[in-house]
Amino acid sequence: MKSTRTRTRARMRRAAAAAAAALVLAGIVTAAGPATAATACTPRIQVLGSLGTGGYEVGSRQHEGVLALGTGDLTAGVSGGKPVYWTGTRLHKVPMPDAALGGAVLAVNRTGLMAGTVHGPDGYLFTYRAGDAAITRLPESDWLSDDTDVNDAGYVVSRNRTGLGIVWKDGRKVRDLPLPSDAAPGTRVDLVTGIDSKGDVLGMAREDYEDPETGARLEGTYPVLWPAGGGPAQALARTSNESHVQDLDESGRIVGYDWNGMGYRYLPATWTPPHTGPAGSPGVLSTHPYGTLEAISPTTGLSVGTAKFHPDEQTLPDQAQLWPGTGPVLALPRLAPDRASAASSAADDGRVGGAAVNAGGTLKPVIWTCATKQAYLPK
């Protein structure tokens, strides 16, 4: 016959096992430390707080939008033409040295470090963390385009007006990004759009050169990858027109688009390691002749962008689109019927950030939660 202590311990073990089973059934993880409730994913369009009252501007930079998705409930972007961030749906203004200045937060890493731009003749790049009293201006930066990124190690990348690519860390410049060794004379860094966790940097070079002997002219853009550690820059395969690379994930997959500026033709494009073959394309949304891919999630292959018409031939408004990594490009639901939308950021947890016009005609920053569950193939 077992002792009372033995029976008590047995009951305690059974109770603990039952409790653990209940936690598993409830979606609570206990193996790696303190219990943490798993977040349920409900597909919806989450409308965030905003400053602006305007609508969608076809063919132009939008003054509202979720441009970066952080961890937890932190997101960042632009509202009313100002750099902002959100906790949940609550909007927070980034403290600017002059309240009249515009700008945007363009990226945020897993630790909450944001990177953004201040617009204007004396524009520049900055970093910021929620709660800081002021932004940190990055030396030798200026405002030429809304393209910059920050990785989880805190390295910020962009370029300046002179066509020089630059890397910053802790508010200091730490590296220049040279052109490929075989770049034609007059080539410059046109955009720097991404950096992964290893430190590989993605961007574009623009060449405009006429060979004095043959008269042949080199003109246009091509994608460039700067490897971590300062190795030689690698020129990637070009698309047929202007090769606009926008983002890269941790596996080295790159997304962007081919652009024929004269025809306003956008075609989604992808590059896969080792990046030596021609760029591929998942195609366009069945309802629109053109489209872009603007962002890819770090590890899940979720790519997003915007389906488009030529601004002078708007049969349908622009629409946010999603590509899961295989199969056709899918549409994300509009906030209101026949109103424009655009997607510009993607996260591993299935969120997609962007902007959409509501029934009243006002553009709002939005997040599509569980985006792949909402995406659909238009009829």
Protein backbone atom coordinates (compact mmCIF):
# COMPACT_ATOMS: atom_id res chain seq x y z
CA MET A 1 0.00 0.00 0.00
CA LYS A 2 1.34 3.39 -1.05
CA SER A 3 1.96 6.03 1.62
CA THR A 4 -0.14 9.18 1.88
CA ARG A 5 2.88 11.23 0.72
CA THR A 6 3.25 9.02 -2.37
CA ARG A 7 -0.46 9.34 -3.19
CA THR A 8 -0.29 13.08 -2.67
CA ARG A 9 2.71 13.40 -5.00
CA ALA A 10 0.98 11.25 -7.60
CA ARG A 11 -2.11 13.47 -7.43
CA MET A 12 0.11 16.55 -7.76
CA ARG A 13 1.85 15.07 -10.82
CA ARG A 14 -1.51 14.21 -12.42
CA ALA A 15 -2.81 17.71 -11.66
CA ALA A 16 0.32 19.29 -13.13
CA ALA A 17 0.04 17.13 -16.23
CA ALA A 18 -3.62 18.05 -16.63
CA ALA A 19 -2.80 21.73 -16.21
CA ALA A 20 -0.03 21.47 -18.78
CA ALA A 21 -2.39 19.76 -21.21
CA ALA A 22 -4.95 22.51 -20.66
CA LEU A 23 -2.30 25.10 -21.41
CA VAL A 24 -1.37 23.32 -24.63
CA LEU A 25 -5.01 23.16 -25.67
CA ALA A 26 -5.34 26.86 -24.89
CA GLY A 27 -2.39 27.68 -27.13
CA ILE A 28 0.00 28.66 -24.33
CA VAL A 29 3.68 27.81 -24.66
CA THR A 30 5.48 26.72 -21.49
CA ALA A 31 8.50 24.71 -22.64
CA ALA A 32 10.87 27.65 -23.19
CA GLY A 33 10.16 29.64 -20.05
CA PRO A 34 7.23 31.69 -18.72
CA ALA A 35 3.85 30.92 -20.28
CA THR A 36 2.99 33.19 -23.20
CA ALA A 37 -0.45 33.30 -24.78
CA ALA A 38 -0.44 32.68 -28.53
CA THR A 39 -1.99 35.55 -30.41
CA ALA A 40 -5.14 34.62 -32.31
CA CYS A 41 -5.26 35.91 -35.87
CA THR A 42 -8.54 37.40 -37.05
CA PRO A 43 -8.63 38.47 -40.72
CA ARG A 44 -9.67 42.11 -40.96
CA ILE A 45 -8.64 45.53 -42.21
CA GLN A 46 -7.42 47.48 -39.18
CA VAL A 47 -7.74 51.26 -39.64
CA LEU A 48 -5.14 53.24 -37.69
CA GLY A 49 -5.27 56.75 -36.31
CA SER A 50 -4.37 59.46 -38.81
CA LEU A 51 -3.65 63.17 -39.20
CA GLY A 52 -4.66 63.72 -42.80
CA THR A 53 -7.97 64.33 -44.52
CA GLY A 54 -6.95 63.91 -48.17
CA GLY A 55 -7.51 61.16 -50.69
CA TYR A 56 -5.36 58.83 -52.78
CA GLU A 57 -3.05 60.50 -55.29
CA VAL A 58 -2.62 58.29 -58.35
CA GLY A 59 1.00 58.09 -59.48
CA SER A 60 2.28 60.10 -56.50
CA ARG A 61 3.80 59.45 -53.09
CA GLN A 62 0.98 58.98 -50.59
CA HIS A 63 0.73 61.09 -47.44
CA GLU A 64 -0.77 58.24 -45.40
CA GLY A 65 0.42 54.70 -44.96
CA VAL A 66 1.95 51.94 -42.83
CA LEU A 67 5.46 51.64 -44.26
CA ALA A 68 7.07 49.44 -41.59
CA LEU A 69 5.83 46.66 -39.30
CA GLY A 70 7.65 46.18 -36.00
CA THR A 71 7.21 43.56 -33.32
CA GLY A 72 4.23 43.51 -31.03
CA ASP A 73 1.85 46.36 -31.75
CA LEU A 74 4.52 48.80 -33.04
CA THR A 75 4.12 50.02 -36.62
CA ALA A 76 5.42 53.11 -38.38
CA GLY A 77 5.01 55.20 -41.48
CA VAL A 78 3.50 58.50 -42.55
CA SER A 79 0.31 60.39 -41.76
CA GLY A 80 -0.62 63.85 -42.92
CA GLY A 81 2.79 63.93 -44.61
CA LYS A 82 4.52 63.63 -41.20
CA PRO A 83 6.67 60.82 -39.76
CA VAL A 84 4.62 58.85 -37.23
CA TYR A 85 4.38 55.53 -35.47
CA TRP A 86 1.53 53.61 -33.94
CA THR A 87 1.03 51.39 -30.91
CA GLY A 88 -2.00 49.38 -31.88
CA THR A 89 -4.24 51.92 -33.61
CA ARG A 90 -3.04 54.88 -31.54
CA LEU A 91 -0.97 57.41 -33.50
CA HIS A 92 2.19 59.05 -32.13
CA LYS A 93 4.06 61.90 -33.81
CA VAL A 94 7.82 61.59 -34.17
CA PRO A 95 9.25 64.73 -32.49
CA MET A 96 10.60 66.98 -35.25
CA PRO A 97 12.96 69.95 -34.82
CA ASP A 98 10.42 72.03 -36.72
CA ALA A 99 6.74 71.11 -36.62
CA ALA A 100 6.29 72.42 -40.16
CA LEU A 101 8.65 69.82 -41.64
CA GLY A 102 7.31 66.75 -43.39
CA GLY A 103 8.78 63.28 -43.61
CA ALA A 104 8.15 59.60 -43.01
CA VAL A 105 9.35 56.64 -40.97
CA LEU A 106 10.45 54.12 -43.57
CA ALA A 107 11.73 51.17 -41.55
CA VAL A 108 11.77 49.68 -38.06
CA ASN A 109 13.74 46.74 -36.73
CA ARG A 110 12.86 44.10 -34.13
CA THR A 111 14.27 46.19 -31.28
CA GLY A 112 12.13 49.21 -32.18
CA LEU A 113 14.81 51.33 -33.88
CA MET A 114 13.15 53.38 -36.60
CA ALA A 115 14.78 54.95 -39.65
CA GLY A 116 13.15 57.77 -41.57
CA THR A 117 13.52 60.89 -43.63
CA VAL A 118 12.89 64.59 -43.14
CA HIS A 119 11.69 66.28 -46.32
CA GLY A 120 12.69 69.69 -47.56
CA PRO A 121 15.66 71.54 -49.11
CA ASP A 122 17.73 70.69 -46.02
CA GLY A 123 16.25 67.22 -45.68
CA TYR A 124 18.12 64.32 -44.10
CA LEU A 125 17.77 60.84 -42.66
CA PHE A 126 17.20 60.11 -38.99
CA THR A 127 16.84 57.33 -36.45
CA TYR A 128 14.41 57.32 -33.55
CA ARG A 129 13.06 55.11 -30.77
CA ALA A 130 9.66 55.50 -29.15
CA GLY A 131 10.02 57.72 -26.11
CA ASP A 132 13.15 59.58 -27.28
CA ALA A 133 12.97 63.34 -26.86
CA ALA A 134 14.35 63.99 -30.35
CA ILE A 135 15.38 62.30 -33.58
CA THR A 136 19.05 61.56 -34.36
CA ARG A 137 20.24 63.11 -37.62
CA LEU A 138 22.52 60.85 -39.66
CA PRO A 139 25.72 62.60 -40.83
CA GLU A 140 26.33 63.07 -44.58
CA SER A 141 22.72 62.18 -45.31
CA ASP A 142 20.27 64.25 -47.27
CA TRP A 143 16.80 63.82 -48.62
CA LEU A 144 16.56 62.72 -52.21
CA SER A 145 14.12 59.83 -52.09
CA ASP A 146 12.09 57.81 -49.62
CA ASP A 147 14.35 54.78 -49.62
CA THR A 148 16.18 53.52 -46.56
CA ASP A 149 16.22 50.45 -44.33
CA VAL A 150 17.51 49.27 -40.95
CA ASN A 151 18.38 45.72 -39.89
CA ASP A 152 18.08 44.11 -36.48
CA ALA A 153 21.73 44.88 -35.68
CA GLY A 154 20.98 48.60 -36.07
CA TYR A 155 22.71 49.24 -39.40
CA VAL A 156 20.94 51.89 -41.50
CA VAL A 157 21.43 52.14 -45.26
CA SER A 158 20.59 54.74 -47.90
CA ARG A 159 22.32 57.01 -50.43
CA ASN A 160 22.85 60.74 -50.86
CA ARG A 161 22.45 63.29 -53.66
CA THR A 162 25.93 62.64 -55.02
CA GLY A 163 25.04 59.03 -55.81
CA LEU A 164 26.98 57.52 -52.92
CA GLY A 165 25.57 54.61 -50.93
CA ILE A 166 26.20 54.84 -47.18
CA VAL A 167 25.86 52.64 -44.07
CA TRP A 168 25.39 54.10 -40.56
CA LYS A 169 25.48 52.54 -37.10
CA ASP A 170 24.71 54.22 -33.75
CA GLY A 171 24.33 57.58 -35.47
CA ARG A 172 27.72 57.40 -37.22
CA LYS A 173 28.72 56.68 -40.79
CA VAL A 174 30.61 53.36 -40.88
CA ARG A 175 30.86 52.41 -44.57
CA ASP A 176 30.52 53.64 -48.13
CA LEU A 177 28.93 51.41 -50.76
CA PRO A 178 31.13 51.41 -53.89
CA LEU A 179 29.87 50.62 -57.37
CA PRO A 180 30.74 47.31 -59.08
CA SER A 181 34.29 47.35 -60.40
CA ASP A 182 33.10 47.13 -64.01
CA ALA A 183 30.58 49.97 -63.74
CA ALA A 184 30.63 52.35 -66.72
CA PRO A 185 31.91 55.91 -66.24
CA GLY A 186 29.25 58.22 -64.85
CA THR A 187 27.39 55.43 -63.05
CA ARG A 188 25.99 56.34 -59.63
CA VAL A 189 24.08 54.65 -56.84
CA ASP A 190 20.46 55.47 -57.60
CA LEU A 191 18.67 53.81 -54.69
CA VAL A 192 19.53 51.80 -51.57
CA THR A 193 16.41 49.94 -50.55
CA GLY A 194 17.18 47.07 -48.17
CA ILE A 195 19.53 45.35 -45.73
CA ASP A 196 19.13 41.86 -44.27
CA SER A 197 20.20 40.52 -40.87
CA LYS A 198 23.59 39.42 -42.23
CA GLY A 199 24.34 42.91 -43.54
CA ASP A 200 23.85 42.30 -47.26
CA VAL A 201 22.66 45.57 -48.82
CA LEU A 202 20.33 45.92 -51.79
CA GLY A 203 20.11 48.82 -54.20
CA MET A 204 20.24 50.10 -57.76
CA ALA A 205 22.86 51.69 -59.95
CA ARG A 206 22.00 54.13 -62.73
CA GLU A 207 24.23 54.47 -65.78
CA ASP A 208 24.18 57.17 -68.43
CA TYR A 209 27.22 56.81 -70.66
CA GLU A 210 28.02 57.08 -74.35
CA ASP A 211 31.03 55.14 -75.62
CA PRO A 212 33.22 57.70 -77.46
CA GLU A 213 34.48 55.06 -79.91
CA THR A 214 31.31 53.24 -80.88
CA GLY A 215 28.67 55.83 -80.01
CA ALA A 216 26.76 53.13 -78.13
CA ARG A 217 24.79 54.50 -75.19
CA LEU A 218 24.31 52.79 -71.84
CA GLU A 219 21.28 54.15 -70.07
CA GLY A 220 19.03 52.78 -67.34
CA THR A 221 19.22 51.03 -64.00
CA TYR A 222 20.36 47.64 -62.79
CA PRO A 223 20.17 45.96 -59.38
CA VAL A 224 23.20 45.75 -57.12
CA LEU A 225 23.91 43.63 -54.04
CA TRP A 226 26.64 44.70 -51.61
CA PRO A 227 27.67 41.65 -49.52
CA ALA A 228 28.12 41.93 -45.78
CA GLY A 229 31.67 42.55 -44.69
CA GLY A 230 32.63 44.90 -47.50
CA GLY A 231 33.15 42.50 -50.40
CA PRO A 232 32.90 43.65 -54.03
CA ALA A 233 29.48 44.83 -55.17
CA GLN A 234 27.59 42.35 -57.34
CA ALA A 235 25.58 43.54 -60.34
CA LEU A 236 22.44 41.41 -60.64
CA ALA A 237 20.53 40.38 -63.74
CA ARG A 238 18.51 43.20 -65.25
CA THR A 239 14.88 43.32 -66.20
CA SER A 240 14.06 44.51 -69.70
CA ASN A 241 13.60 48.18 -68.75
CA GLU A 242 14.23 49.92 -65.41
CA SER A 243 15.10 47.37 -62.71
CA HIS A 244 13.65 48.60 -59.41
CA VAL A 245 14.65 46.26 -56.57
CA GLN A 246 12.71 47.08 -53.42
CA ASP A 247 13.34 44.52 -50.67
CA LEU A 248 15.10 41.25 -49.79
CA ASP A 249 14.39 38.50 -47.30
CA GLU A 250 16.69 36.36 -45.15
CA SER A 251 17.01 33.68 -47.84
CA GLY A 252 18.23 36.20 -50.40
CA ARG A 253 15.02 36.40 -52.42
CA ILE A 254 14.59 39.90 -53.85
CA VAL A 255 11.38 41.57 -54.98
CA GLY A 256 10.73 44.66 -57.03
CA TYR A 257 9.45 45.56 -60.45
CA ASP A 258 10.36 46.36 -64.01
CA TRP A 259 9.29 49.85 -65.06
CA ASN A 260 8.89 51.37 -68.49
CA GLY A 261 8.54 55.03 -67.57
CA MET A 262 7.36 56.18 -70.99
CA GLY A 263 4.56 53.62 -71.01
CA TYR A 264 3.98 53.66 -67.24
CA ARG A 265 4.37 49.89 -67.36
CA TYR A 266 5.05 48.19 -64.04
CA LEU A 267 5.67 44.44 -63.93
CA PRO A 268 6.35 42.62 -60.63
CA ALA A 269 9.79 41.03 -60.57
CA THR A 270 11.72 38.60 -58.37
CA TRP A 271 15.38 37.58 -58.15
CA THR A 272 16.48 34.37 -56.44
CA PRO A 273 19.97 33.34 -55.25
CA PRO A 274 22.56 33.20 -56.69
CA HIS A 275 20.98 36.09 -58.65
CA THR A 276 22.87 35.29 -61.86
CA GLY A 277 19.83 34.27 -63.88
CA PRO A 278 17.22 36.59 -65.34
CA ALA A 279 14.59 38.09 -63.08
CA GLY A 280 11.31 36.20 -62.93
CA SER A 281 7.78 37.53 -62.53
CA PRO A 282 4.64 36.14 -60.87
CA GLY A 283 2.58 38.21 -63.33
CA VAL A 284 -0.02 40.86 -62.61
CA LEU A 285 -3.40 40.89 -60.92
CA SER A 286 -5.99 39.70 -63.43
CA THR A 287 -7.96 42.95 -63.17
CA HIS A 288 -5.03 45.33 -63.73
CA PRO A 289 -2.42 45.53 -66.50
CA TYR A 290 0.45 46.68 -64.28
CA GLY A 291 1.70 46.12 -60.75
CA THR A 292 4.61 46.28 -58.31
CA LEU A 293 6.12 44.30 -55.47
CA GLU A 294 7.29 46.68 -52.74
CA ALA A 295 8.17 44.43 -49.79
CA ILE A 296 8.77 40.85 -48.71
CA SER A 297 8.45 39.37 -45.21
CA PRO A 298 11.74 38.31 -43.58
CA THR A 299 11.27 34.52 -43.67
CA THR A 300 7.84 33.49 -45.00
CA GLY A 301 8.09 34.66 -48.62
CA LEU A 302 5.02 36.91 -48.40
CA SER A 303 5.40 39.70 -50.99
CA VAL A 304 3.12 42.70 -51.40
CA GLY A 305 2.65 45.66 -53.69
CA THR A 306 0.06 47.52 -55.72
CA ALA A 307 -1.88 46.69 -58.88
CA LYS A 308 -2.07 49.69 -61.21
CA PHE A 309 -3.43 51.27 -64.35
CA HIS A 310 -1.85 54.16 -66.20
CA PRO A 311 -2.94 57.35 -64.37
CA ASP A 312 -4.62 58.60 -67.56
CA GLU A 313 -6.46 55.31 -68.14
CA GLN A 314 -7.95 54.43 -64.76
CA THR A 315 -10.45 51.69 -65.56
CA LEU A 316 -10.21 50.58 -61.92
CA PRO A 317 -8.55 52.27 -58.93
CA ASP A 318 -5.19 50.96 -57.70
CA GLN A 319 -5.49 47.92 -55.44
CA ALA A 320 -3.24 46.35 -52.82
CA GLN A 321 -1.97 42.97 -53.96
CA LEU A 322 -0.22 39.98 -52.43
CA TRP A 323 1.92 37.16 -53.76
CA PRO A 324 2.41 34.17 -51.39
CA GLY A 325 5.58 33.05 -53.19
CA THR A 326 3.89 30.55 -55.52
CA GLY A 327 0.87 30.67 -57.78
CA PRO A 328 -0.86 33.80 -59.07
CA VAL A 329 -0.87 37.30 -57.64
CA LEU A 330 -3.89 37.84 -55.38
CA ALA A 331 -5.95 40.90 -54.47
CA LEU A 332 -6.34 42.26 -50.95
CA PRO A 333 -9.85 43.52 -50.13
CA ARG A 334 -10.52 47.22 -50.44
CA LEU A 335 -11.60 49.26 -47.42
CA ALA A 336 -14.60 50.48 -49.43
CA PRO A 337 -15.96 49.34 -52.82
CA ASP A 338 -14.28 50.95 -55.83
CA ARG A 339 -11.84 52.87 -53.64
CA ALA A 340 -8.04 52.78 -54.05
CA SER A 341 -5.60 50.88 -51.84
CA ALA A 342 -1.87 50.12 -51.78
CA ALA A 343 0.39 47.74 -49.83
CA SER A 344 3.95 48.62 -48.83
CA SER A 345 5.09 46.37 -45.94
CA ALA A 346 4.83 42.72 -44.89
CA ALA A 347 5.57 40.78 -41.69
CA ASP A 348 6.19 37.11 -40.87
CA ASP A 349 3.03 37.00 -38.75
CA GLY A 350 0.90 37.63 -41.85
CA ARG A 351 0.29 41.35 -41.43
CA VAL A 352 0.45 43.64 -44.44
CA GLY A 353 0.71 47.39 -44.03
CA GLY A 354 -0.37 50.09 -46.43
CA ALA A 355 -3.13 52.58 -47.09
CA ALA A 356 -6.72 52.46 -48.30
CA VAL A 357 -9.50 54.91 -49.06
CA ASN A 358 -12.64 54.70 -46.94
CA ALA A 359 -16.24 55.19 -48.05
CA GLY A 360 -15.96 58.92 -47.43
CA GLY A 361 -13.04 59.27 -49.84
CA THR A 362 -10.34 59.74 -47.17
CA LEU A 363 -7.06 57.82 -47.36
CA LYS A 364 -6.30 55.93 -44.15
CA PRO A 365 -3.27 53.98 -42.90
CA VAL A 366 -4.30 50.35 -42.60
CA ILE A 367 -3.10 46.86 -41.69
CA TRP A 368 -4.50 43.71 -43.27
CA THR A 369 -4.22 41.06 -40.53
CA CYS A 370 -3.89 37.39 -41.60
CA ALA A 371 -3.48 38.83 -45.09
CA THR A 372 -3.19 35.51 -46.93
CA LYS A 373 -6.58 34.48 -45.48
CA GLN A 374 -8.13 37.64 -46.91
CA ALA A 375 -6.43 37.57 -50.31
CA TYR A 376 -8.47 36.38 -53.26
CA LEU A 377 -8.28 35.79 -56.99
CA PRO A 378 -10.53 38.36 -58.73
CA LYS A 379 -13.11 37.03 -61.15
